[in-house]
PDB file of all heavy atoms in Angstrom:
ATOM      1  N   THR A   1     -26.353  -6.009  -9.426  1.00  0.00           N
ATOM      2  CA  THR A   1     -26.829  -6.125  -8.058  1.00  0.00           C
ATOM      3  C   THR A   1     -26.034  -5.160  -7.192  1.00  0.00           C
ATOM      4  O   THR A   1     -24.794  -5.166  -7.220  1.00  0.00           O
ATOM      5  CB  THR A   1     -26.662  -7.559  -7.529  1.00  0.00           C
ATOM      6  OG1 THR A   1     -27.341  -8.465  -8.391  1.00  0.00           O
ATOM      7  CG2 THR A   1     -27.232  -7.682  -6.130  1.00  0.00           C
ATOM      8  N   PHE A   2     -26.730  -4.336  -6.447  1.00  0.00           N
ATOM      9  CA  PHE A   2     -26.110  -3.378  -5.534  1.00  0.00           C
ATOM     10  C   PHE A   2     -26.484  -3.779  -4.110  1.00  0.00           C
ATOM     11  O   PHE A   2     -27.664  -3.973  -3.803  1.00  0.00           O
ATOM     12  CB  PHE A   2     -26.574  -1.960  -5.827  1.00  0.00           C
ATOM     13  CG  PHE A   2     -26.248  -1.491  -7.220  1.00  0.00           C
ATOM     14  CD1 PHE A   2     -27.178  -1.629  -8.242  1.00  0.00           C
ATOM     15  CD2 PHE A   2     -25.015  -0.943  -7.509  1.00  0.00           C
ATOM     16  CE1 PHE A   2     -26.890  -1.213  -9.530  1.00  0.00           C
ATOM     17  CE2 PHE A   2     -24.716  -0.522  -8.795  1.00  0.00           C
ATOM     18  CZ  PHE A   2     -25.655  -0.657  -9.811  1.00  0.00           C
ATOM     19  N   THR A   3     -25.473  -3.899  -3.259  1.00  0.00           N
ATOM     20  CA  THR A   3     -25.697  -4.338  -1.881  1.00  0.00           C
ATOM     21  C   THR A   3     -25.089  -3.336  -0.913  1.00  0.00           C
ATOM     22  O   THR A   3     -23.896  -3.422  -0.587  1.00  0.00           O
ATOM     23  CB  THR A   3     -25.096  -5.729  -1.647  1.00  0.00           C
ATOM     24  OG1 THR A   3     -25.572  -6.632  -2.640  1.00  0.00           O
ATOM     25  CG2 THR A   3     -25.469  -6.259  -0.268  1.00  0.00           C
ATOM     26  N   PRO A   4     -25.853  -2.370  -0.455  1.00  0.00           N
ATOM     27  CA  PRO A   4     -25.357  -1.499   0.601  1.00  0.00           C
ATOM     28  C   PRO A   4     -25.336  -2.243   1.932  1.00  0.00           C
ATOM     29  O   PRO A   4     -26.281  -2.952   2.280  1.00  0.00           O
ATOM     30  CB  PRO A   4     -26.358  -0.337   0.612  1.00  0.00           C
ATOM     31  CG  PRO A   4     -27.600  -0.910   0.011  1.00  0.00           C
ATOM     32  CD  PRO A   4     -27.189  -1.980  -0.941  1.00  0.00           C
ATOM     33  N   THR A   5     -24.246  -2.104   2.659  1.00  0.00           N
ATOM     34  CA  THR A   5     -24.069  -2.779   3.944  1.00  0.00           C
ATOM     35  C   THR A   5     -23.613  -1.765   4.980  1.00  0.00           C
ATOM     36  O   THR A   5     -22.738  -0.933   4.701  1.00  0.00           O
ATOM     37  CB  THR A   5     -23.036  -3.909   3.843  1.00  0.00           C
ATOM     38  OG1 THR A   5     -23.455  -4.857   2.860  1.00  0.00           O
ATOM     39  CG2 THR A   5     -22.871  -4.629   5.177  1.00  0.00           C
ATOM     40  N   TRP A   6     -24.203  -1.855   6.148  1.00  0.00           N
ATOM     41  CA  TRP A   6     -23.792  -0.984   7.257  1.00  0.00           C
ATOM     42  C   TRP A   6     -23.100  -1.833   8.320  1.00  0.00           C
ATOM     43  O   TRP A   6     -23.666  -2.800   8.828  1.00  0.00           O
ATOM     44  CB  TRP A   6     -24.978  -0.262   7.871  1.00  0.00           C
ATOM     45  CG  TRP A   6     -24.595   0.510   9.112  1.00  0.00           C
ATOM     46  CD1 TRP A   6     -24.761   0.147  10.401  1.00  0.00           C
ATOM     47  CD2 TRP A   6     -23.942   1.783   9.127  1.00  0.00           C
ATOM     48  NE1 TRP A   6     -24.257   1.105  11.239  1.00  0.00           N
ATOM     49  CE2 TRP A   6     -23.744   2.131  10.484  1.00  0.00           C
ATOM     50  CE3 TRP A   6     -23.502   2.667   8.139  1.00  0.00           C
ATOM     51  CZ2 TRP A   6     -23.136   3.315  10.874  1.00  0.00           C
ATOM     52  CZ3 TRP A   6     -22.900   3.848   8.524  1.00  0.00           C
ATOM     53  CH2 TRP A   6     -22.729   4.165   9.874  1.00  0.00           C
ATOM     54  N   TYR A   7     -21.821  -1.475   8.629  1.00  0.00           N
ATOM     55  CA  TYR A   7     -21.075  -2.108   9.713  1.00  0.00           C
ATOM     56  C   TYR A   7     -21.039  -1.141  10.887  1.00  0.00           C
ATOM     57  O   TYR A   7     -20.662   0.040  10.726  1.00  0.00           O
ATOM     58  CB  TYR A   7     -19.639  -2.427   9.286  1.00  0.00           C
ATOM     59  CG  TYR A   7     -19.531  -3.441   8.179  1.00  0.00           C
ATOM     60  CD1 TYR A   7     -19.360  -3.045   6.857  1.00  0.00           C
ATOM     61  CD2 TYR A   7     -19.587  -4.800   8.452  1.00  0.00           C
ATOM     62  CE1 TYR A   7     -19.243  -3.976   5.838  1.00  0.00           C
ATOM     63  CE2 TYR A   7     -19.469  -5.742   7.438  1.00  0.00           C
ATOM     64  CZ  TYR A   7     -19.298  -5.317   6.134  1.00  0.00           C
ATOM     65  OH  TYR A   7     -19.191  -6.235   5.127  1.00  0.00           O
ATOM     66  N   SER A   8     -21.404  -1.618  12.054  1.00  0.00           N
ATOM     67  CA  SER A   8     -21.471  -0.714  13.210  1.00  0.00           C
ATOM     68  C   SER A   8     -20.103  -0.164  13.586  1.00  0.00           C
ATOM     69  O   SER A   8     -20.017   0.918  14.171  1.00  0.00           O
ATOM     70  CB  SER A   8     -22.085  -1.452  14.408  1.00  0.00           C
ATOM     71  OG  SER A   8     -21.295  -2.571  14.783  1.00  0.00           O
ATOM     72  N   ARG A   9     -19.007  -0.849  13.245  1.00  0.00           N
ATOM     73  CA  ARG A   9     -17.665  -0.386  13.610  1.00  0.00           C
ATOM     74  C   ARG A   9     -16.905   0.238  12.443  1.00  0.00           C
ATOM     75  O   ARG A   9     -15.830   0.789  12.642  1.00  0.00           O
ATOM     76  CB  ARG A   9     -16.846  -1.543  14.178  1.00  0.00           C
ATOM     77  CG  ARG A   9     -17.399  -2.077  15.493  1.00  0.00           C
ATOM     78  CD  ARG A   9     -16.447  -3.083  16.108  1.00  0.00           C
ATOM     79  NE  ARG A   9     -16.937  -3.568  17.386  1.00  0.00           N
ATOM     80  CZ  ARG A   9     -16.309  -4.445  18.153  1.00  0.00           C
ATOM     81  NH1 ARG A   9     -15.144  -4.937  17.751  1.00  0.00           N
ATOM     82  NH2 ARG A   9     -16.825  -4.847  19.294  1.00  0.00           N
ATOM     83  N   ARG A  10     -17.443   0.122  11.223  1.00  0.00           N
ATOM     84  CA  ARG A  10     -16.701   0.631  10.075  1.00  0.00           C
ATOM     85  C   ARG A  10     -17.487   1.624   9.229  1.00  0.00           C
ATOM     86  O   ARG A  10     -16.895   2.404   8.505  1.00  0.00           O
ATOM     87  CB  ARG A  10     -16.233  -0.530   9.188  1.00  0.00           C
ATOM     88  CG  ARG A  10     -15.263  -1.467   9.898  1.00  0.00           C
ATOM     89  CD  ARG A  10     -14.601  -2.421   8.933  1.00  0.00           C
ATOM     90  NE  ARG A  10     -13.690  -3.328   9.617  1.00  0.00           N
ATOM     91  CZ  ARG A  10     -12.418  -3.045   9.895  1.00  0.00           C
ATOM     92  NH1 ARG A  10     -11.911  -1.882   9.529  1.00  0.00           N
ATOM     93  NH2 ARG A  10     -11.655  -3.914  10.523  1.00  0.00           N
ATOM     94  N   GLY A  11     -18.791   1.578   9.286  1.00  0.00           N
ATOM     95  CA  GLY A  11     -19.586   2.492   8.492  1.00  0.00           C
ATOM     96  C   GLY A  11     -20.214   1.813   7.297  1.00  0.00           C
ATOM     97  O   GLY A  11     -20.403   0.593   7.266  1.00  0.00           O
ATOM     98  N   ALA A  12     -20.515   2.609   6.264  1.00  0.00           N
ATOM     99  CA  ALA A  12     -21.263   2.120   5.102  1.00  0.00           C
ATOM    100  C   ALA A  12     -20.319   1.599   4.031  1.00  0.00           C
ATOM    101  O   ALA A  12     -19.278   2.199   3.745  1.00  0.00           O
ATOM    102  CB  ALA A  12     -22.128   3.233   4.539  1.00  0.00           C
ATOM    103  N   ARG A  13     -20.716   0.491   3.431  1.00  0.00           N
ATOM    104  CA  ARG A  13     -19.971  -0.108   2.324  1.00  0.00           C
ATOM    105  C   ARG A  13     -20.958  -0.449   1.211  1.00  0.00           C
ATOM    106  O   ARG A  13     -22.079  -0.884   1.485  1.00  0.00           O
ATOM    107  CB  ARG A  13     -19.242  -1.362   2.802  1.00  0.00           C
ATOM    108  CG  ARG A  13     -18.707  -2.256   1.689  1.00  0.00           C
ATOM    109  CD  ARG A  13     -17.983  -3.453   2.260  1.00  0.00           C
ATOM    110  NE  ARG A  13     -17.967  -4.584   1.347  1.00  0.00           N
ATOM    111  CZ  ARG A  13     -17.387  -5.755   1.600  1.00  0.00           C
ATOM    112  NH1 ARG A  13     -16.776  -5.938   2.746  1.00  0.00           N
ATOM    113  NH2 ARG A  13     -17.441  -6.730   0.712  1.00  0.00           N
ATOM    114  N   LEU A  14     -20.545  -0.277  -0.025  1.00  0.00           N
ATOM    115  CA  LEU A  14     -21.385  -0.605  -1.176  1.00  0.00           C
ATOM    116  C   LEU A  14     -20.694  -1.666  -2.005  1.00  0.00           C
ATOM    117  O   LEU A  14     -19.589  -1.465  -2.507  1.00  0.00           O
ATOM    118  CB  LEU A  14     -21.649   0.630  -2.034  1.00  0.00           C
ATOM    119  CG  LEU A  14     -22.480   0.376  -3.305  1.00  0.00           C
ATOM    120  CD1 LEU A  14     -23.871  -0.139  -2.951  1.00  0.00           C
ATOM    121  CD2 LEU A  14     -22.567   1.640  -4.166  1.00  0.00           C
ATOM    122  N   ASP A  15     -21.361  -2.811  -2.162  1.00  0.00           N
ATOM    123  CA  ASP A  15     -20.894  -3.880  -3.042  1.00  0.00           C
ATOM    124  C   ASP A  15     -21.763  -3.884  -4.288  1.00  0.00           C
ATOM    125  O   ASP A  15     -22.994  -3.821  -4.196  1.00  0.00           O
ATOM    126  CB  ASP A  15     -20.992  -5.234  -2.354  1.00  0.00           C
ATOM    127  CG  ASP A  15     -20.093  -5.335  -1.132  1.00  0.00           C
ATOM    128  OD1 ASP A  15     -19.170  -4.523  -1.019  1.00  0.00           O
ATOM    129  OD2 ASP A  15     -20.328  -6.226  -0.289  1.00  0.00           O
ATOM    130  N   SER A  16     -21.140  -3.984  -5.432  1.00  0.00           N
ATOM    131  CA  SER A  16     -21.894  -4.019  -6.689  1.00  0.00           C
ATOM    132  C   SER A  16     -21.310  -5.079  -7.599  1.00  0.00           C
ATOM    133  O   SER A  16     -20.103  -5.336  -7.586  1.00  0.00           O
ATOM    134  CB  SER A  16     -21.865  -2.655  -7.382  1.00  0.00           C
ATOM    135  OG  SER A  16     -20.534  -2.271  -7.679  1.00  0.00           O
ATOM    136  N   GLU A  17     -22.178  -5.683  -8.377  1.00  0.00           N
ATOM    137  CA  GLU A  17     -21.756  -6.669  -9.365  1.00  0.00           C
ATOM    138  C   GLU A  17     -22.546  -6.447 -10.644  1.00  0.00           C
ATOM    139  O   GLU A  17     -23.775  -6.469 -10.635  1.00  0.00           O
ATOM    140  CB  GLU A  17     -21.971  -8.094  -8.869  1.00  0.00           C
ATOM    141  CG  GLU A  17     -21.525  -9.145  -9.889  1.00  0.00           C
ATOM    142  CD  GLU A  17     -21.790 -10.560  -9.438  1.00  0.00           C
ATOM    143  OE1 GLU A  17     -22.547 -10.743  -8.462  1.00  0.00           O
ATOM    144  OE2 GLU A  17     -21.254 -11.490 -10.062  1.00  0.00           O
ATOM    145  N   PHE A  18     -21.833  -6.233 -11.731  1.00  0.00           N
ATOM    146  CA  PHE A  18     -22.427  -6.062 -13.050  1.00  0.00           C
ATOM    147  C   PHE A  18     -22.101  -7.303 -13.874  1.00  0.00           C
ATOM    148  O   PHE A  18     -20.937  -7.710 -13.970  1.00  0.00           O
ATOM    149  CB  PHE A  18     -21.871  -4.807 -13.728  1.00  0.00           C
ATOM    150  CG  PHE A  18     -22.259  -4.677 -15.171  1.00  0.00           C
ATOM    151  CD1 PHE A  18     -23.552  -4.346 -15.530  1.00  0.00           C
ATOM    152  CD2 PHE A  18     -21.327  -4.888 -16.171  1.00  0.00           C
ATOM    153  CE1 PHE A  18     -23.918  -4.234 -16.863  1.00  0.00           C
ATOM    154  CE2 PHE A  18     -21.665  -4.771 -17.508  1.00  0.00           C
ATOM    155  CZ  PHE A  18     -22.972  -4.440 -17.848  1.00  0.00           C
ATOM    156  N   ARG A  19     -23.121  -7.926 -14.458  1.00  0.00           N
ATOM    157  CA  ARG A  19     -22.942  -9.136 -15.258  1.00  0.00           C
ATOM    158  C   ARG A  19     -23.461  -8.894 -16.671  1.00  0.00           C
ATOM    159  O   ARG A  19     -24.438  -8.164 -16.852  1.00  0.00           O
ATOM    160  CB  ARG A  19     -23.670 -10.324 -14.635  1.00  0.00           C
ATOM    161  CG  ARG A  19     -23.260 -10.636 -13.209  1.00  0.00           C
ATOM    162  CD  ARG A  19     -23.946 -11.883 -12.698  1.00  0.00           C
ATOM    163  NE  ARG A  19     -25.388 -11.782 -12.732  1.00  0.00           N
ATOM    164  CZ  ARG A  19     -26.212 -12.782 -12.429  1.00  0.00           C
ATOM    165  NH1 ARG A  19     -25.720 -13.954 -12.108  1.00  0.00           N
ATOM    166  NH2 ARG A  19     -27.521 -12.617 -12.469  1.00  0.00           N
ATOM    167  N   PHE A  20     -22.818  -9.532 -17.624  1.00  0.00           N
ATOM    168  CA  PHE A  20     -23.236  -9.334 -19.003  1.00  0.00           C
ATOM    169  C   PHE A  20     -23.073 -10.627 -19.792  1.00  0.00           C
ATOM    170  O   PHE A  20     -22.220 -11.463 -19.514  1.00  0.00           O
ATOM    171  CB  PHE A  20     -22.433  -8.210 -19.669  1.00  0.00           C
ATOM    172  CG  PHE A  20     -20.937  -8.428 -19.676  1.00  0.00           C
ATOM    173  CD1 PHE A  20     -20.317  -9.104 -20.718  1.00  0.00           C
ATOM    174  CD2 PHE A  20     -20.157  -7.946 -18.640  1.00  0.00           C
ATOM    175  CE1 PHE A  20     -18.951  -9.293 -20.728  1.00  0.00           C
ATOM    176  CE2 PHE A  20     -18.775  -8.142 -18.636  1.00  0.00           C
ATOM    177  CZ  PHE A  20     -18.175  -8.820 -19.683  1.00  0.00           C
ATOM    178  N   LEU A  21     -23.959 -10.775 -20.760  1.00  0.00           N
ATOM    179  CA  LEU A  21     -23.910 -11.846 -21.755  1.00  0.00           C
ATOM    180  C   LEU A  21     -23.974 -11.200 -23.130  1.00  0.00           C
ATOM    181  O   LEU A  21     -24.748 -10.272 -23.340  1.00  0.00           O
ATOM    182  CB  LEU A  21     -25.100 -12.799 -21.598  1.00  0.00           C
ATOM    183  CG  LEU A  21     -25.201 -13.632 -20.326  1.00  0.00           C
ATOM    184  CD1 LEU A  21     -26.581 -14.269 -20.246  1.00  0.00           C
ATOM    185  CD2 LEU A  21     -24.143 -14.702 -20.305  1.00  0.00           C
ATOM    186  N   ASN A  22     -23.160 -11.681 -24.043  1.00  0.00           N
ATOM    187  CA  ASN A  22     -23.233 -11.173 -25.408  1.00  0.00           C
ATOM    188  C   ASN A  22     -22.963 -12.311 -26.373  1.00  0.00           C
ATOM    189  O   ASN A  22     -22.806 -13.465 -25.969  1.00  0.00           O
ATOM    190  CB  ASN A  22     -22.256 -10.006 -25.613  1.00  0.00           C
ATOM    191  CG  ASN A  22     -20.832 -10.358 -25.202  1.00  0.00           C
ATOM    192  OD1 ASN A  22     -20.348 -11.440 -25.518  1.00  0.00           O
ATOM    193  ND2 ASN A  22     -20.156  -9.458 -24.507  1.00  0.00           N
ATOM    194  N   ALA A  23     -22.908 -11.974 -27.649  1.00  0.00           N
ATOM    195  CA  ALA A  23     -22.734 -13.008 -28.661  1.00  0.00           C
ATOM    196  C   ALA A  23     -21.391 -13.710 -28.539  1.00  0.00           C
ATOM    197  O   ALA A  23     -21.235 -14.847 -28.989  1.00  0.00           O
ATOM    198  CB  ALA A  23     -22.877 -12.389 -30.052  1.00  0.00           C
ATOM    199  N   LEU A  24     -20.407 -13.058 -27.913  1.00  0.00           N
ATOM    200  CA  LEU A  24     -19.081 -13.639 -27.800  1.00  0.00           C
ATOM    201  C   LEU A  24     -18.886 -14.455 -26.529  1.00  0.00           C
ATOM    202  O   LEU A  24     -18.131 -15.416 -26.515  1.00  0.00           O
ATOM    203  CB  LEU A  24     -18.024 -12.530 -27.855  1.00  0.00           C
ATOM    204  CG  LEU A  24     -17.964 -11.728 -29.154  1.00  0.00           C
ATOM    205  CD1 LEU A  24     -16.890 -10.656 -29.047  1.00  0.00           C
ATOM    206  CD2 LEU A  24     -17.699 -12.633 -30.350  1.00  0.00           C
ATOM    207  N   GLY A  25     -19.539 -14.055 -25.433  1.00  0.00           N
ATOM    208  CA  GLY A  25     -19.303 -14.762 -24.178  1.00  0.00           C
ATOM    209  C   GLY A  25     -19.990 -14.080 -23.018  1.00  0.00           C
ATOM    210  O   GLY A  25     -21.071 -13.490 -23.154  1.00  0.00           O
ATOM    211  N   GLN A  26     -19.353 -14.139 -21.857  1.00  0.00           N
ATOM    212  CA  GLN A  26     -19.938 -13.587 -20.652  1.00  0.00           C
ATOM    213  C   GLN A  26     -18.839 -13.089 -19.732  1.00  0.00           C
ATOM    214  O   GLN A  26     -17.670 -13.453 -19.863  1.00  0.00           O
ATOM    215  CB  GLN A  26     -20.768 -14.650 -19.928  1.00  0.00           C
ATOM    216  CG  GLN A  26     -19.967 -15.862 -19.472  1.00  0.00           C
ATOM    217  CD  GLN A  26     -20.844 -16.941 -18.865  1.00  0.00           C
ATOM    218  OE1 GLN A  26     -22.055 -16.929 -19.005  1.00  0.00           O
ATOM    219  NE2 GLN A  26     -20.227 -17.883 -18.181  1.00  0.00           N
ATOM    220  N   GLY A  27     -19.225 -12.248 -18.782  1.00  0.00           N
ATOM    221  CA  GLY A  27     -18.261 -11.704 -17.845  1.00  0.00           C
ATOM    222  C   GLY A  27     -18.949 -10.980 -16.717  1.00  0.00           C
ATOM    223  O   GLY A  27     -20.183 -10.873 -16.661  1.00  0.00           O
ATOM    224  N   SER A  28     -18.147 -10.462 -15.800  1.00  0.00           N
ATOM    225  CA  SER A  28     -18.690  -9.740 -14.648  1.00  0.00           C
ATOM    226  C   SER A  28     -17.660  -8.758 -14.130  1.00  0.00           C
ATOM    227  O   SER A  28     -16.444  -8.934 -14.317  1.00  0.00           O
ATOM    228  CB  SER A  28     -19.098 -10.717 -13.532  1.00  0.00           C
ATOM    229  OG  SER A  28     -17.958 -11.364 -12.993  1.00  0.00           O
ATOM    230  N   LEU A  29     -18.177  -7.721 -13.466  1.00  0.00           N
ATOM    231  CA  LEU A  29     -17.344  -6.721 -12.802  1.00  0.00           C
ATOM    232  C   LEU A  29     -17.884  -6.521 -11.399  1.00  0.00           C
ATOM    233  O   LEU A  29     -19.053  -6.170 -11.223  1.00  0.00           O
ATOM    234  CB  LEU A  29     -17.350  -5.394 -13.571  1.00  0.00           C
ATOM    235  CG  LEU A  29     -16.643  -4.221 -12.874  1.00  0.00           C
ATOM    236  CD1 LEU A  29     -15.154  -4.511 -12.709  1.00  0.00           C
ATOM    237  CD2 LEU A  29     -16.865  -2.921 -13.646  1.00  0.00           C
ATOM    238  N   GLN A  30     -17.046  -6.756 -10.391  1.00  0.00           N
ATOM    239  CA  GLN A  30     -17.420  -6.555  -8.999  1.00  0.00           C
ATOM    240  C   GLN A  30     -16.629  -5.390  -8.437  1.00  0.00           C
ATOM    241  O   GLN A  30     -15.415  -5.302  -8.642  1.00  0.00           O
ATOM    242  CB  GLN A  30     -17.148  -7.808  -8.170  1.00  0.00           C
ATOM    243  CG  GLN A  30     -17.896  -9.036  -8.617  1.00  0.00           C
ATOM    244  CD  GLN A  30     -17.559 -10.246  -7.763  1.00  0.00           C
ATOM    245  OE1 GLN A  30     -17.531 -10.175  -6.531  1.00  0.00           O
ATOM    246  NE2 GLN A  30     -17.303 -11.370  -8.410  1.00  0.00           N
ATOM    247  N   ALA A  31     -17.323  -4.529  -7.724  1.00  0.00           N
ATOM    248  CA  ALA A  31     -16.687  -3.386  -7.073  1.00  0.00           C
ATOM    249  C   ALA A  31     -17.223  -3.282  -5.658  1.00  0.00           C
ATOM    250  O   ALA A  31     -18.429  -3.137  -5.456  1.00  0.00           O
ATOM    251  CB  ALA A  31     -16.959  -2.095  -7.845  1.00  0.00           C
ATOM    252  N   ASN A  32     -16.334  -3.386  -4.685  1.00  0.00           N
ATOM    253  CA  ASN A  32     -16.689  -3.262  -3.278  1.00  0.00           C
ATOM    254  C   ASN A  32     -15.960  -2.047  -2.717  1.00  0.00           C
ATOM    255  O   ASN A  32     -14.724  -2.007  -2.722  1.00  0.00           O
ATOM    256  CB  ASN A  32     -16.291  -4.526  -2.502  1.00  0.00           C
ATOM    257  CG  ASN A  32     -16.811  -5.791  -3.155  1.00  0.00           C
ATOM    258  OD1 ASN A  32     -17.927  -5.816  -3.653  1.00  0.00           O
ATOM    259  ND2 ASN A  32     -16.001  -6.839  -3.174  1.00  0.00           N
ATOM    260  N   ILE A  33     -16.730  -1.079  -2.243  1.00  0.00           N
ATOM    261  CA  ILE A  33     -16.145   0.202  -1.836  1.00  0.00           C
ATOM    262  C   ILE A  33     -16.612   0.558  -0.433  1.00  0.00           C
ATOM    263  O   ILE A  33     -17.817   0.538  -0.138  1.00  0.00           O
ATOM    264  CB  ILE A  33     -16.521   1.327  -2.823  1.00  0.00           C
ATOM    265  CG1 ILE A  33     -16.029   0.978  -4.231  1.00  0.00           C
ATOM    266  CG2 ILE A  33     -15.941   2.652  -2.370  1.00  0.00           C
ATOM    267  CD1 ILE A  33     -16.458   1.969  -5.286  1.00  0.00           C
ATOM    268  N   LEU A  34     -15.661   0.861   0.428  1.00  0.00           N
ATOM    269  CA  LEU A  34     -15.922   1.399   1.768  1.00  0.00           C
ATOM    270  C   LEU A  34     -15.384   2.828   1.766  1.00  0.00           C
ATOM    271  O   LEU A  34     -14.182   3.047   1.947  1.00  0.00           O
ATOM    272  CB  LEU A  34     -15.220   0.543   2.824  1.00  0.00           C
ATOM    273  CG  LEU A  34     -15.526   0.824   4.295  1.00  0.00           C
ATOM    274  CD1 LEU A  34     -16.981   0.517   4.612  1.00  0.00           C
ATOM    275  CD2 LEU A  34     -14.611   0.005   5.197  1.00  0.00           C
ATOM    276  N   PRO A  35     -16.233   3.836   1.515  1.00  0.00           N
ATOM    277  CA  PRO A  35     -15.733   5.204   1.310  1.00  0.00           C
ATOM    278  C   PRO A  35     -14.924   5.753   2.475  1.00  0.00           C
ATOM    279  O   PRO A  35     -13.942   6.472   2.278  1.00  0.00           O
ATOM    280  CB  PRO A  35     -17.020   6.018   1.097  1.00  0.00           C
ATOM    281  CG  PRO A  35     -18.037   5.022   0.664  1.00  0.00           C
ATOM    282  CD  PRO A  35     -17.687   3.756   1.371  1.00  0.00           C
ATOM    283  N   HIS A  36     -15.339   5.416   3.701  1.00  0.00           N
ATOM    284  CA  HIS A  36     -14.607   5.924   4.870  1.00  0.00           C
ATOM    285  C   HIS A  36     -14.695   4.884   5.982  1.00  0.00           C
ATOM    286  O   HIS A  36     -15.737   4.728   6.621  1.00  0.00           O
ATOM    287  CB  HIS A  36     -15.192   7.257   5.336  1.00  0.00           C
ATOM    288  CG  HIS A  36     -14.479   7.816   6.548  1.00  0.00           C
ATOM    289  ND1 HIS A  36     -13.265   8.444   6.463  1.00  0.00           N
ATOM    290  CD2 HIS A  36     -14.829   7.821   7.870  1.00  0.00           C
ATOM    291  CE1 HIS A  36     -12.891   8.827   7.674  1.00  0.00           C
ATOM    292  NE2 HIS A  36     -13.823   8.457   8.546  1.00  0.00           N
ATOM    293  N   ASP A  37     -13.604   4.163   6.174  1.00  0.00           N
ATOM    294  CA  ASP A  37     -13.547   3.174   7.247  1.00  0.00           C
ATOM    295  C   ASP A  37     -13.380   3.911   8.570  1.00  0.00           C
ATOM    296  O   ASP A  37     -12.382   4.611   8.794  1.00  0.00           O
ATOM    297  CB  ASP A  37     -12.371   2.221   7.004  1.00  0.00           C
ATOM    298  CG  ASP A  37     -12.377   1.034   7.942  1.00  0.00           C
ATOM    299  OD1 ASP A  37     -12.947   1.141   9.053  1.00  0.00           O
ATOM    300  OD2 ASP A  37     -11.816  -0.014   7.582  1.00  0.00           O
ATOM    301  N   GLN A  38     -14.358   3.754   9.446  1.00  0.00           N
ATOM    302  CA  GLN A  38     -14.323   4.468  10.717  1.00  0.00           C
ATOM    303  C   GLN A  38     -13.191   4.006  11.619  1.00  0.00           C
ATOM    304  O   GLN A  38     -12.785   4.743  12.525  1.00  0.00           O
ATOM    305  CB  GLN A  38     -15.661   4.295  11.437  1.00  0.00           C
ATOM    306  CG  GLN A  38     -16.840   4.915  10.704  1.00  0.00           C
ATOM    307  CD  GLN A  38     -18.160   4.655  11.392  1.00  0.00           C
ATOM    308  OE1 GLN A  38     -18.232   3.948  12.403  1.00  0.00           O
ATOM    309  NE2 GLN A  38     -19.228   5.230  10.858  1.00  0.00           N
TER     310      GLN A  38
END
């Protein structure tokens, strides 16, 4: 899931979450990035 967000005082931020299921188990990776905080 990718969630681009625009903050009027900070600029653009991208939140992403990758989820996986396999034969062994499950997990997730979340990355929230604000490339340039205004």
